[in-house]
Amino acid sequence: MSLTQSRQAEAQSLTDQELVDLARKRNEAAVRAITQRYNRRLFRIARSILRNDAEAEDVVQETYVRAFTGLDTFRGDAAFGTWITRIALNEALGRLRRRRPTVDWEAYGANRPQAEIIHFPASAAGGDPERAMAQSEIRAVLEQAIDGLPDAYRVVFVARIVEGMSVKDTADLFGLQPETVKTRLHRARRLLRAELDKQFGPALTVSFPFGGQRCARMTEAVVRRICRD
């Protein structure tokens, strides 16, 4: 293992606060560790608002620039993960506002400009191309269904279920009461179930087919045992 790799591995084991302290000194390993730790969360939150991969990636990059150049404003009043996610949230909302001047800011919870500065993984297909394609198609349908949720429900669903944030962290992020987070999550799940049932319902009736050669083979096996013994 090279010296650079060793330092990177060591950085990965540090706490957020330890990484922040090093990043303030422009420590490259710490900066890399922070980005690797939060890339997925920031992308998912930004995309849940913008519903555009390219724009979400731009938001993530801008978030890191703002965060790393403004680390002196991070006082630890909130967890670093919450702080940097708020930066991404505000950046995404700002872009959405420029795109849709009449956007309902309240749909996302309390807008917090005072926040100091402010893909869905598929299971391994085991090298099976057909299975990989099926998983990709299912994921695409699921992502489309999530994109179709109302704004207020979609962002909470992505934070809680897709990204796995706690109720408290989600409530803090969006400036909501924990009970509001639970209510929006419940409604998001209900709408999502309804949409997926509409998408997959007809397919379920033809699942696990047993026709053609399989049917003929079973029939012959039964006939041999029952009629020819």
C-alpha atoms as a PDB file:
ATOM      1  CA  MET A   1       0.000   0.000   0.000  1.00  0.00           C
ATOM      2  CA  SER A   2       1.407   3.391  -0.994  1.00  0.00           C
ATOM      3  CA  LEU A   3       1.811   6.248   1.478  1.00  0.00           C
ATOM      4  CA  THR A   4      -1.106   8.074  -0.164  1.00  0.00           C
ATOM      5  CA  GLN A   5      -3.353   5.020   0.100  1.00  0.00           C
ATOM      6  CA  SER A   6      -2.309   4.510   3.718  1.00  0.00           C
ATOM      7  CA  ARG A   7      -3.207   8.090   4.596  1.00  0.00           C
ATOM      8  CA  GLN A   8      -6.529   7.764   2.799  1.00  0.00           C
ATOM      9  CA  ALA A   9      -7.392   4.563   4.656  1.00  0.00           C
ATOM     10  CA  GLU A  10      -6.496   6.224   7.949  1.00  0.00           C
ATOM     11  CA  ALA A  11      -8.644   9.247   7.118  1.00  0.00           C
ATOM     12  CA  GLN A  12     -11.658   7.038   6.398  1.00  0.00           C
ATOM     13  CA  SER A  13     -11.599   5.809  10.003  1.00  0.00           C
ATOM     14  CA  LEU A  14     -11.742   9.307  11.506  1.00  0.00           C
ATOM     15  CA  THR A  15     -14.871  10.999  12.836  1.00  0.00           C
ATOM     16  CA  ASP A  16     -16.482  13.874  10.973  1.00  0.00           C
ATOM     17  CA  GLN A  17     -15.121  16.390  13.463  1.00  0.00           C
ATOM     18  CA  GLU A  18     -11.595  15.035  13.125  1.00  0.00           C
ATOM     19  CA  LEU A  19     -11.878  15.237   9.340  1.00  0.00           C
ATOM     20  CA  VAL A  20     -13.213  18.790   9.536  1.00  0.00           C
ATOM     21  CA  ASP A  21     -10.278  19.846  11.688  1.00  0.00           C
ATOM     22  CA  LEU A  22      -7.875  18.408   9.111  1.00  0.00           C
ATOM     23  CA  ALA A  23      -9.830  19.811   6.158  1.00  0.00           C
ATOM     24  CA  ARG A  24      -9.519  23.297   7.652  1.00  0.00           C
ATOM     25  CA  LYS A  25      -5.792  22.876   7.056  1.00  0.00           C
ATOM     26  CA  ARG A  26      -6.504  21.780   3.458  1.00  0.00           C
ATOM     27  CA  ASN A  27      -5.519  18.192   4.214  1.00  0.00           C
ATOM     28  CA  GLU A  28      -6.186  16.351   0.942  1.00  0.00           C
ATOM     29  CA  ALA A  29      -6.877  12.954   2.529  1.00  0.00           C
ATOM     30  CA  ALA A  30      -9.485  14.526   4.817  1.00  0.00           C
ATOM     31  CA  VAL A  31     -11.174  16.358   1.936  1.00  0.00           C
ATOM     32  CA  ARG A  32     -11.319  13.119  -0.050  1.00  0.00           C
ATOM     33  CA  ALA A  33     -12.714  11.199   2.917  1.00  0.00           C
ATOM     34  CA  ILE A  34     -15.474  13.756   3.491  1.00  0.00           C
ATOM     35  CA  THR A  35     -16.533  13.779  -0.151  1.00  0.00           C
ATOM     36  CA  GLN A  36     -16.568   9.996  -0.335  1.00  0.00           C
ATOM     37  CA  ARG A  37     -18.605   9.847   2.863  1.00  0.00           C
ATOM     38  CA  TYR A  38     -21.267  12.306   1.727  1.00  0.00           C
ATOM     39  CA  ASN A  39     -21.354  12.120  -2.086  1.00  0.00           C
ATOM     40  CA  ARG A  40     -24.314   9.775  -2.248  1.00  0.00           C
ATOM     41  CA  ARG A  41     -26.408  11.566   0.361  1.00  0.00           C
ATOM     42  CA  LEU A  42     -25.900  15.006  -1.167  1.00  0.00           C
ATOM     43  CA  PHE A  43     -26.655  13.732  -4.669  1.00  0.00           C
ATOM     44  CA  ARG A  44     -29.833  11.995  -3.576  1.00  0.00           C
ATOM     45  CA  ILE A  45     -31.141  14.976  -1.638  1.00  0.00           C
ATOM     46  CA  ALA A  46     -30.368  17.373  -4.486  1.00  0.00           C
ATOM     47  CA  ARG A  47     -31.888  15.065  -7.054  1.00  0.00           C
ATOM     48  CA  SER A  48     -35.046  14.576  -4.991  1.00  0.00           C
ATOM     49  CA  ILE A  49     -35.622  18.314  -5.393  1.00  0.00           C
ATOM     50  CA  LEU A  50     -34.387  18.914  -8.945  1.00  0.00           C
ATOM     51  CA  ARG A  51     -35.190  15.505 -10.497  1.00  0.00           C
ATOM     52  CA  ASN A  52     -32.251  15.909 -12.843  1.00  0.00           C
ATOM     53  CA  ASP A  53     -28.994  13.975 -12.531  1.00  0.00           C
ATOM     54  CA  ALA A  54     -26.736  16.584 -14.126  1.00  0.00           C
ATOM     55  CA  GLU A  55     -28.116  19.447 -12.054  1.00  0.00           C
ATOM     56  CA  ALA A  56     -27.858  17.363  -8.900  1.00  0.00           C
ATOM     57  CA  GLU A  57     -24.193  16.659  -9.640  1.00  0.00           C
ATOM     58  CA  ASP A  58     -23.591  20.386 -10.094  1.00  0.00           C
ATOM     59  CA  VAL A  59     -25.247  21.019  -6.746  1.00  0.00           C
ATOM     60  CA  VAL A  60     -23.000  18.472  -5.038  1.00  0.00           C
ATOM     61  CA  GLN A  61     -19.876  20.075  -6.466  1.00  0.00           C
ATOM     62  CA  GLU A  62     -21.005  23.570  -5.505  1.00  0.00           C
ATOM     63  CA  THR A  63     -21.912  22.316  -2.035  1.00  0.00           C
ATOM     64  CA  TYR A  64     -18.402  21.072  -1.410  1.00  0.00           C
ATOM     65  CA  VAL A  65     -16.886  24.325  -2.654  1.00  0.00           C
ATOM     66  CA  ARG A  66     -19.091  26.317  -0.294  1.00  0.00           C
ATOM     67  CA  ALA A  67     -18.531  23.948   2.593  1.00  0.00           C
ATOM     68  CA  PHE A  68     -14.758  23.674   2.331  1.00  0.00           C
ATOM     69  CA  THR A  69     -14.293  27.407   1.819  1.00  0.00           C
ATOM     70  CA  GLY A  70     -16.641  28.123   4.722  1.00  0.00           C
ATOM     71  CA  LEU A  71     -15.531  25.574   7.298  1.00  0.00           C
ATOM     72  CA  ASP A  72     -14.685  28.371   9.725  1.00  0.00           C
ATOM     73  CA  THR A  73     -18.432  29.040   9.988  1.00  0.00           C
ATOM     74  CA  PHE A  74     -19.115  25.459  11.103  1.00  0.00           C
ATOM     75  CA  ARG A  75     -19.347  25.666  14.877  1.00  0.00           C
ATOM     76  CA  GLY A  76     -20.681  22.209  15.578  1.00  0.00           C
ATOM     77  CA  ASP A  77     -24.156  23.361  16.648  1.00  0.00           C
ATOM     78  CA  ALA A  78     -25.523  20.645  14.368  1.00  0.00           C
ATOM     79  CA  ALA A  79     -23.909  17.449  13.134  1.00  0.00           C
ATOM     80  CA  PHE A  80     -21.545  18.065  10.233  1.00  0.00           C
ATOM     81  CA  GLY A  81     -23.597  15.714   8.047  1.00  0.00           C
ATOM     82  CA  THR A  82     -26.721  17.790   8.699  1.00  0.00           C
ATOM     83  CA  TRP A  83     -24.837  21.047   8.131  1.00  0.00           C
ATOM     84  CA  ILE A  84     -23.390  20.075   4.763  1.00  0.00           C
ATOM     85  CA  THR A  85     -26.682  18.525   3.649  1.00  0.00           C
ATOM     86  CA  ARG A  86     -28.427  21.822   4.386  1.00  0.00           C
ATOM     87  CA  ILE A  87     -25.971  23.552   2.104  1.00  0.00           C
ATOM     88  CA  ALA A  88     -26.908  21.118  -0.681  1.00  0.00           C
ATOM     89  CA  LEU A  89     -30.597  21.547   0.139  1.00  0.00           C
ATOM     90  CA  ASN A  90     -30.439  25.326  -0.089  1.00  0.00           C
ATOM     91  CA  GLU A  91     -28.362  25.213  -3.280  1.00  0.00           C
ATOM     92  CA  ALA A  92     -30.879  22.858  -4.894  1.00  0.00           C
ATOM     93  CA  LEU A  93     -33.837  24.963  -3.738  1.00  0.00           C
ATOM     94  CA  GLY A  94     -32.152  28.081  -5.098  1.00  0.00           C
ATOM     95  CA  ARG A  95     -31.774  26.457  -8.495  1.00  0.00           C
ATOM     96  CA  LEU A  96     -35.369  25.261  -8.382  1.00  0.00           C
ATOM     97  CA  ARG A  97     -36.538  28.768  -7.546  1.00  0.00           C
ATOM     98  CA  ARG A  98     -34.681  30.193 -10.542  1.00  0.00           C
ATOM     99  CA  ARG A  99     -36.276  27.540 -12.712  1.00  0.00           C
ATOM    100  CA  ARG A 100     -39.748  27.885 -11.138  1.00  0.00           C
ATOM    101  CA  PRO A 101     -40.148  31.353  -9.595  1.00  0.00           C
ATOM    102  CA  THR A 102     -43.490  30.365  -8.057  1.00  0.00           C
ATOM    103  CA  VAL A 103     -42.147  27.255  -6.303  1.00  0.00           C
ATOM    104  CA  ASP A 104     -43.813  26.596  -2.949  1.00  0.00           C
ATOM    105  CA  TRP A 105     -40.903  26.781  -0.533  1.00  0.00           C
ATOM    106  CA  GLU A 106     -43.075  25.580   2.336  1.00  0.00           C
ATOM    107  CA  ALA A 107     -43.495  22.253   0.580  1.00  0.00           C
ATOM    108  CA  TYR A 108     -39.970  21.372   1.634  1.00  0.00           C
ATOM    109  CA  GLY A 109     -40.247  22.600   5.204  1.00  0.00           C
ATOM    110  CA  ALA A 110     -38.732  25.737   6.687  1.00  0.00           C
ATOM    111  CA  ASN A 111     -36.249  27.334   4.312  1.00  0.00           C
ATOM    112  CA  ARG A 112     -33.092  27.899   6.329  1.00  0.00           C
ATOM    113  CA  PRO A 113     -30.669  30.317   4.718  1.00  0.00           C
ATOM    114  CA  GLN A 114     -29.211  30.753   8.202  1.00  0.00           C
ATOM    115  CA  ALA A 115     -27.683  27.271   8.038  1.00  0.00           C
ATOM    116  CA  GLU A 116     -24.291  28.790   8.738  1.00  0.00           C
ATOM    117  CA  ILE A 117     -23.659  29.249   4.972  1.00  0.00           C
ATOM    118  CA  ILE A 118     -25.353  26.851   3.852  1.00  0.00           C
ATOM    119  CA  HIS A 119     -28.896   6.066  -8.051  1.00  0.00           C
ATOM    120  CA  PHE A 120     -30.740   3.539  -6.141  1.00  0.00           C
ATOM    121  CA  PRO A 121     -28.441   0.669  -5.628  1.00  0.00           C
ATOM    122  CA  ALA A 122     -29.446  -2.624  -7.250  1.00  0.00           C
ATOM    123  CA  SER A 123     -28.511  -5.934  -5.687  1.00  0.00           C
ATOM    124  CA  ALA A 124     -25.732  -7.862  -7.370  1.00  0.00           C
ATOM    125  CA  ALA A 125     -26.894  -9.733 -10.425  1.00  0.00           C
ATOM    126  CA  GLY A 126     -24.191 -12.381 -10.121  1.00  0.00           C
ATOM    127  CA  GLY A 127     -23.034 -11.924 -13.698  1.00  0.00           C
ATOM    128  CA  ASP A 128     -26.468 -12.791 -15.113  1.00  0.00           C
ATOM    129  CA  PRO A 129     -27.160 -10.256 -17.940  1.00  0.00           C
ATOM    130  CA  GLU A 130     -30.866 -11.070 -18.047  1.00  0.00           C
ATOM    131  CA  ARG A 131     -31.251 -10.584 -14.326  1.00  0.00           C
ATOM    132  CA  ALA A 132     -29.196  -7.396 -14.432  1.00  0.00           C
ATOM    133  CA  MET A 133     -31.453  -6.023 -17.179  1.00  0.00           C
ATOM    134  CA  ALA A 134     -34.574  -6.907 -15.176  1.00  0.00           C
ATOM    135  CA  GLN A 135     -33.174  -5.193 -12.086  1.00  0.00           C
ATOM    136  CA  SER A 136     -32.312  -2.130 -14.133  1.00  0.00           C
ATOM    137  CA  GLU A 137     -35.851  -1.953 -15.518  1.00  0.00           C
ATOM    138  CA  ILE A 138     -37.387  -2.367 -12.075  1.00  0.00           C
ATOM    139  CA  ARG A 139     -35.106   0.321 -10.662  1.00  0.00           C
ATOM    140  CA  ALA A 140     -36.068   2.678 -13.488  1.00  0.00           C
ATOM    141  CA  VAL A 141     -39.773   2.161 -12.751  1.00  0.00           C
ATOM    142  CA  LEU A 142     -39.169   2.701  -9.038  1.00  0.00           C
ATOM    143  CA  GLU A 143     -37.164   5.880  -9.605  1.00  0.00           C
ATOM    144  CA  GLN A 144     -39.855   7.191 -11.949  1.00  0.00           C
ATOM    145  CA  ALA A 145     -42.516   6.466  -9.328  1.00  0.00           C
ATOM    146  CA  ILE A 146     -40.509   8.299  -6.648  1.00  0.00           C
ATOM    147  CA  ASP A 147     -39.988  11.239  -9.011  1.00  0.00           C
ATOM    148  CA  GLY A 148     -43.760  11.374  -9.421  1.00  0.00           C
ATOM    149  CA  LEU A 149     -44.423  11.886  -5.706  1.00  0.00           C
ATOM    150  CA  PRO A 150     -45.499  15.375  -4.592  1.00  0.00           C
ATOM    151  CA  ASP A 151     -42.497  17.516  -3.663  1.00  0.00           C
ATOM    152  CA  ALA A 152     -43.161  17.531   0.074  1.00  0.00           C
ATOM    153  CA  TYR A 153     -43.425  13.748   0.232  1.00  0.00           C
ATOM    154  CA  ARG A 154     -40.624  12.943  -2.219  1.00  0.00           C
ATOM    155  CA  VAL A 155     -37.845  14.737  -0.359  1.00  0.00           C
ATOM    156  CA  VAL A 156     -38.837  13.160   2.948  1.00  0.00           C
ATOM    157  CA  PHE A 157     -39.080   9.708   1.371  1.00  0.00           C
ATOM    158  CA  VAL A 158     -35.635  10.011  -0.204  1.00  0.00           C
ATOM    159  CA  ALA A 159     -34.058  11.265   3.021  1.00  0.00           C
ATOM    160  CA  ARG A 160     -35.679   8.660   5.263  1.00  0.00           C
ATOM    161  CA  ILE A 161     -35.953   5.541   3.103  1.00  0.00           C
ATOM    162  CA  VAL A 162     -33.501   5.897   0.229  1.00  0.00           C
ATOM    163  CA  GLU A 163     -30.718   7.565   2.200  1.00  0.00           C
ATOM    164  CA  GLY A 164     -31.631   6.058   5.589  1.00  0.00           C
ATOM    165  CA  MET A 165     -31.575   9.250   7.652  1.00  0.00           C
ATOM    166  CA  SER A 166     -33.286   9.114  11.038  1.00  0.00           C
ATOM    167  CA  VAL A 167     -36.621  10.829  11.717  1.00  0.00           C
ATOM    168  CA  LYS A 168     -34.825  13.396  13.868  1.00  0.00           C
ATOM    169  CA  ASP A 169     -32.161  14.164  11.261  1.00  0.00           C
ATOM    170  CA  THR A 170     -34.786  14.424   8.531  1.00  0.00           C
ATOM    171  CA  ALA A 171     -36.890  16.741  10.672  1.00  0.00           C
ATOM    172  CA  ASP A 172     -33.850  18.912  11.439  1.00  0.00           C
ATOM    173  CA  LEU A 173     -32.838  19.015   7.791  1.00  0.00           C
ATOM    174  CA  PHE A 174     -36.189  20.226   6.495  1.00  0.00           C
ATOM    175  CA  GLY A 175     -37.249  22.228   9.546  1.00  0.00           C
ATOM    176  CA  LEU A 176     -40.197  19.958  10.263  1.00  0.00           C
ATOM    177  CA  GLN A 177     -41.692  18.373  13.356  1.00  0.00           C
ATOM    178  CA  PRO A 178     -40.881  14.649  13.696  1.00  0.00           C
ATOM    179  CA  GLU A 179     -44.601  13.840  13.493  1.00  0.00           C
ATOM    180  CA  THR A 180     -44.814  15.727  10.205  1.00  0.00           C
ATOM    181  CA  VAL A 181     -41.944  13.642   8.838  1.00  0.00           C
ATOM    182  CA  LYS A 182     -43.760  10.449   9.836  1.00  0.00           C
ATOM    183  CA  THR A 183     -47.033  11.638   8.297  1.00  0.00           C
ATOM    184  CA  ARG A 184     -45.395  12.628   5.009  1.00  0.00           C
ATOM    185  CA  LEU A 185     -43.490   9.351   4.876  1.00  0.00           C
ATOM    186  CA  HIS A 186     -46.689   7.379   5.427  1.00  0.00           C
ATOM    187  CA  ARG A 187     -48.453   9.250   2.644  1.00  0.00           C
ATOM    188  CA  ALA A 188     -45.455   8.878   0.330  1.00  0.00           C
ATOM    189  CA  ARG A 189     -45.444   5.124   0.870  1.00  0.00           C
ATOM    190  CA  ARG A 190     -49.168   4.908   0.208  1.00  0.00           C
ATOM    191  CA  LEU A 191     -48.885   6.856  -3.040  1.00  0.00           C
ATOM    192  CA  LEU A 192     -45.849   4.856  -4.081  1.00  0.00           C
ATOM    193  CA  ARG A 193     -47.607   1.547  -3.430  1.00  0.00           C
ATOM    194  CA  ALA A 194     -50.567   2.687  -5.515  1.00  0.00           C
ATOM    195  CA  GLU A 195     -48.328   3.731  -8.414  1.00  0.00           C
ATOM    196  CA  LEU A 196     -46.260   0.534  -8.318  1.00  0.00           C
ATOM    197  CA  ASP A 197     -49.410  -1.562  -8.154  1.00  0.00           C
ATOM    198  CA  LYS A 198     -50.624   0.224 -11.292  1.00  0.00           C
ATOM    199  CA  GLN A 199     -47.267  -0.415 -12.987  1.00  0.00           C
ATOM    200  CA  PHE A 200     -46.653  -3.970 -11.876  1.00  0.00           C
ATOM    201  CA  GLY A 201     -50.177  -5.251 -11.215  1.00  0.00           C
ATOM    202  CA  PRO A 202     -50.780  -6.579 -14.752  1.00  0.00           C
ATOM    203  CA  ALA A 203     -47.345  -8.181 -14.779  1.00  0.00           C
ATOM    204  CA  LEU A 204     -48.071 -10.117 -11.602  1.00  0.00           C
ATOM    205  CA  THR A 205     -50.812 -12.105 -13.295  1.00  0.00           C
ATOM    206  CA  VAL A 206     -48.264 -13.604 -15.686  1.00  0.00           C
ATOM    207  CA  SER A 207     -45.489 -14.093 -13.163  1.00  0.00           C
ATOM    208  CA  PHE A 208     -43.922 -17.523 -12.693  1.00  0.00           C
ATOM    209  CA  PRO A 209     -45.222 -18.941 -15.999  1.00  0.00           C
ATOM    210  CA  PHE A 210     -45.554 -22.661 -16.324  1.00  0.00           C
ATOM    211  CA  GLY A 211     -46.425 -23.118 -19.961  1.00  0.00           C
ATOM    212  CA  GLY A 212     -44.703 -24.443 -23.038  1.00  0.00           C
ATOM    213  CA  GLN A 213     -42.062 -27.133 -22.489  1.00  0.00           C
ATOM    214  CA  ARG A 214     -42.298 -26.951 -18.700  1.00  0.00           C
ATOM    215  CA  CYS A 215     -46.021 -27.681 -18.803  1.00  0.00           C
ATOM    216  CA  ALA A 216     -45.598 -30.466 -21.355  1.00  0.00           C
ATOM    217  CA  ARG A 217     -42.740 -32.041 -19.389  1.00  0.00           C
ATOM    218  CA  MET A 218     -44.748 -32.064 -16.160  1.00  0.00           C
ATOM    219  CA  THR A 219     -47.786 -33.480 -17.919  1.00  0.00           C
ATOM    220  CA  GLU A 220     -45.763 -36.318 -19.445  1.00  0.00           C
ATOM    221  CA  ALA A 221     -44.152 -37.088 -16.096  1.00  0.00           C
ATOM    222  CA  VAL A 222     -47.525 -37.356 -14.389  1.00  0.00           C
ATOM    223  CA  VAL A 223     -48.994 -39.438 -17.207  1.00  0.00           C
ATOM    224  CA  ARG A 224     -46.066 -41.849 -16.993  1.00  0.00           C
ATOM    225  CA  ARG A 225     -46.502 -42.301 -13.276  1.00  0.00           C
ATOM    226  CA  ILE A 226     -50.290 -42.511 -13.196  1.00  0.00           C
ATOM    227  CA  CYS A 227     -51.267 -44.146 -16.455  1.00  0.00           C
ATOM    228  CA  ARG A 228     -48.308 -46.271 -17.461  1.00  0.00           C
ATOM    229  CA  ASP A 229     -47.122 -47.845 -14.217  1.00  0.00           C
END
